[in-house]
Amino acid sequence: MAQKGAKSSYINEYLSYQNCGVNITQFYYDMGTNMFCVSKETGISRQALARFVVYRASDDTNNIVVRYLEEKITKDYQETTRQNKRKIESLRQKVNAAWELYLKREELLEEYRKKHHVERKHPMERRVTEEEIFEKS
């Protein structure tokens, strides 16, 4: 929809992929949010947020949206790394516990090998380092 009148005046057109060549919804999805959430958090209308994506928004709107998106992606990154640190620590503990259990079982089995005069069929496993685990995955 466009306003009738002189072409030099502001035209309030509906911004869509067809007439501006930018998928606005996809932009906000790629930023890890959506227009509704950005509008709610910043107080900027969804129409202005659509104009931001196609470089037609005011400087004030641009500044607010860019700051909000910077904070949003920074918080997402920090939260993801915090969660992954917890997971890595948990995995580190599991690997250490598995190594200790392996050594304990080997020690118990060694008694029986000596008692029954059975030689080791498989070589003793070596401890896997964290770097090797990350390298393989």
Protein backbone atom coordinates (compact mmCIF):
# COMPACT_ATOMS: atom_id res chain seq x y z
CA MET A 1 0.00 0.00 0.00
CA ALA A 2 1.36 3.35 -0.94
CA GLN A 3 0.05 6.79 -0.12
CA LYS A 4 -1.29 8.86 -2.95
CA GLY A 5 0.49 12.07 -3.59
CA ALA A 6 3.78 13.44 -4.81
CA LYS A 7 6.55 10.92 -5.43
CA SER A 8 9.02 12.99 -3.40
CA SER A 9 7.00 12.60 -0.21
CA TYR A 10 7.47 9.70 2.18
CA ILE A 11 5.93 6.53 0.80
CA ASN A 12 4.56 4.16 3.42
CA GLU A 13 4.97 0.94 1.51
CA TYR A 14 4.70 -2.58 2.84
CA LEU A 15 8.19 -4.04 2.99
CA SER A 16 8.38 -7.61 1.79
CA TYR A 17 10.90 -9.92 0.19
CA GLN A 18 9.37 -9.20 -3.21
CA ASN A 19 9.68 -5.42 -3.15
CA CYS A 20 12.89 -4.93 -1.12
CA GLY A 21 14.84 -8.14 -1.83
CA VAL A 22 15.51 -8.84 1.87
CA ASN A 23 13.82 -11.49 3.97
CA ILE A 24 13.24 -9.47 7.11
CA THR A 25 11.91 -12.37 9.16
CA GLN A 26 14.97 -14.45 8.26
CA PHE A 27 17.30 -11.61 9.34
CA TYR A 28 15.89 -11.54 12.86
CA TYR A 29 15.80 -15.34 12.99
CA ASP A 30 19.50 -15.40 12.07
CA MET A 31 20.10 -12.99 14.94
CA GLY A 32 18.48 -15.49 17.32
CA THR A 33 15.31 -13.51 17.91
CA ASN A 34 12.21 -12.26 16.10
CA MET A 35 10.63 -8.91 15.39
CA PHE A 36 8.04 -9.28 18.14
CA CYS A 37 10.69 -9.78 20.85
CA VAL A 38 12.88 -6.94 19.56
CA SER A 39 9.86 -4.66 19.38
CA LYS A 40 8.80 -5.59 22.90
CA GLU A 41 12.29 -5.10 24.37
CA THR A 42 13.20 -1.88 22.56
CA GLY A 43 9.80 -0.21 22.24
CA ILE A 44 10.30 0.20 18.50
CA SER A 45 7.43 -0.69 16.21
CA ARG A 46 7.71 -3.72 13.96
CA GLN A 47 7.31 -1.46 10.95
CA ALA A 48 10.40 0.51 12.00
CA LEU A 49 12.25 -2.77 12.63
CA ALA A 50 11.44 -3.83 9.08
CA ARG A 51 12.79 -0.53 7.77
CA PHE A 52 15.98 -1.09 9.80
CA VAL A 53 16.79 -4.22 7.83
CA VAL A 54 16.47 -2.49 4.47
CA TYR A 55 18.44 0.62 5.57
CA ARG A 56 15.43 2.96 5.71
CA ALA A 57 15.21 3.61 9.46
CA SER A 58 16.22 6.71 11.37
CA ASP A 59 19.61 6.97 13.06
CA ASP A 60 18.07 6.70 16.52
CA THR A 61 16.26 3.51 15.57
CA ASN A 62 19.42 2.12 14.01
CA ASN A 63 21.43 2.79 17.17
CA ILE A 64 18.85 1.22 19.47
CA VAL A 65 18.40 -1.88 17.33
CA VAL A 66 22.13 -2.42 16.80
CA ARG A 67 22.82 -2.05 20.54
CA TYR A 68 20.01 -4.46 21.39
CA LEU A 69 21.18 -7.05 18.85
CA GLU A 70 24.78 -6.71 20.07
CA GLU A 71 23.66 -7.37 23.64
CA LYS A 72 21.43 -10.24 22.52
CA ILE A 73 24.11 -12.09 20.57
CA THR A 74 26.70 -11.46 23.30
CA LYS A 75 24.38 -12.87 25.98
CA ASP A 76 23.56 -15.88 23.77
CA TYR A 77 27.26 -16.57 23.22
CA GLN A 78 28.11 -16.20 26.91
CA GLU A 79 25.26 -18.48 27.96
CA THR A 80 26.23 -21.10 25.40
CA THR A 81 29.86 -21.09 26.51
CA ARG A 82 28.81 -21.24 30.17
CA GLN A 83 26.62 -24.29 29.48
CA ASN A 84 29.34 -25.96 27.46
CA LYS A 85 31.93 -25.35 30.17
CA ARG A 86 29.68 -27.23 32.58
CA LYS A 87 29.28 -30.07 30.08
CA ILE A 88 33.03 -30.20 29.43
CA GLU A 89 33.79 -30.32 33.14
CA SER A 90 31.26 -33.11 33.57
CA LEU A 91 32.80 -35.04 30.68
CA ARG A 92 36.29 -34.46 32.07
CA GLN A 93 35.19 -35.97 35.37
CA LYS A 94 33.61 -38.94 33.58
CA VAL A 95 36.79 -39.61 31.60
CA ASN A 96 38.91 -39.43 34.76
CA ALA A 97 36.48 -41.71 36.59
CA ALA A 98 36.54 -44.17 33.68
CA TRP A 99 40.36 -44.21 33.76
CA GLU A 100 40.42 -44.82 37.52
CA LEU A 101 37.87 -47.63 37.14
CA TYR A 102 39.94 -49.18 34.35
CA LEU A 103 43.09 -49.12 36.52
CA LYS A 104 41.20 -50.61 39.46
CA ARG A 105 39.83 -53.44 37.33
CA GLU A 106 43.20 -54.10 35.75
CA GLU A 107 44.78 -54.34 39.18
CA LEU A 108 42.17 -56.86 40.29
CA LEU A 109 42.55 -58.84 37.07
CA GLU A 110 46.33 -58.88 37.43
CA GLU A 111 45.96 -60.92 40.64
CA TYR A 112 44.01 -63.56 38.78
CA ARG A 113 46.45 -63.60 35.88
CA LYS A 114 49.30 -64.33 38.29
CA LYS A 115 47.32 -66.88 40.27
CA HIS A 116 46.18 -68.83 37.20
CA HIS A 117 49.37 -68.21 35.16
CA VAL A 118 47.53 -66.53 32.30
CA GLU A 119 49.37 -64.05 30.17
CA ARG A 120 47.85 -60.77 29.10
CA LYS A 121 46.20 -61.12 25.71
CA HIS A 122 45.63 -57.40 25.04
CA PRO A 123 48.12 -54.64 25.78
CA MET A 124 47.36 -52.23 28.58
CA GLU A 125 45.35 -49.22 27.40
CA ARG A 126 46.95 -45.82 27.60
CA ARG A 127 45.23 -42.83 29.10
CA VAL A 128 43.52 -40.62 26.54
CA THR A 129 44.15 -36.89 26.89
CA GLU A 130 41.55 -34.15 26.57
CA GLU A 131 43.25 -32.84 23.45
CA GLU A 132 42.86 -36.24 21.78
CA ILE A 133 39.17 -36.34 22.68
CA PHE A 134 38.54 -32.90 21.22
CA GLU A 135 40.69 -33.66 18.20
CA LYS A 136 38.67 -36.75 17.31
CA SER A 137 35.26 -35.16 17.73
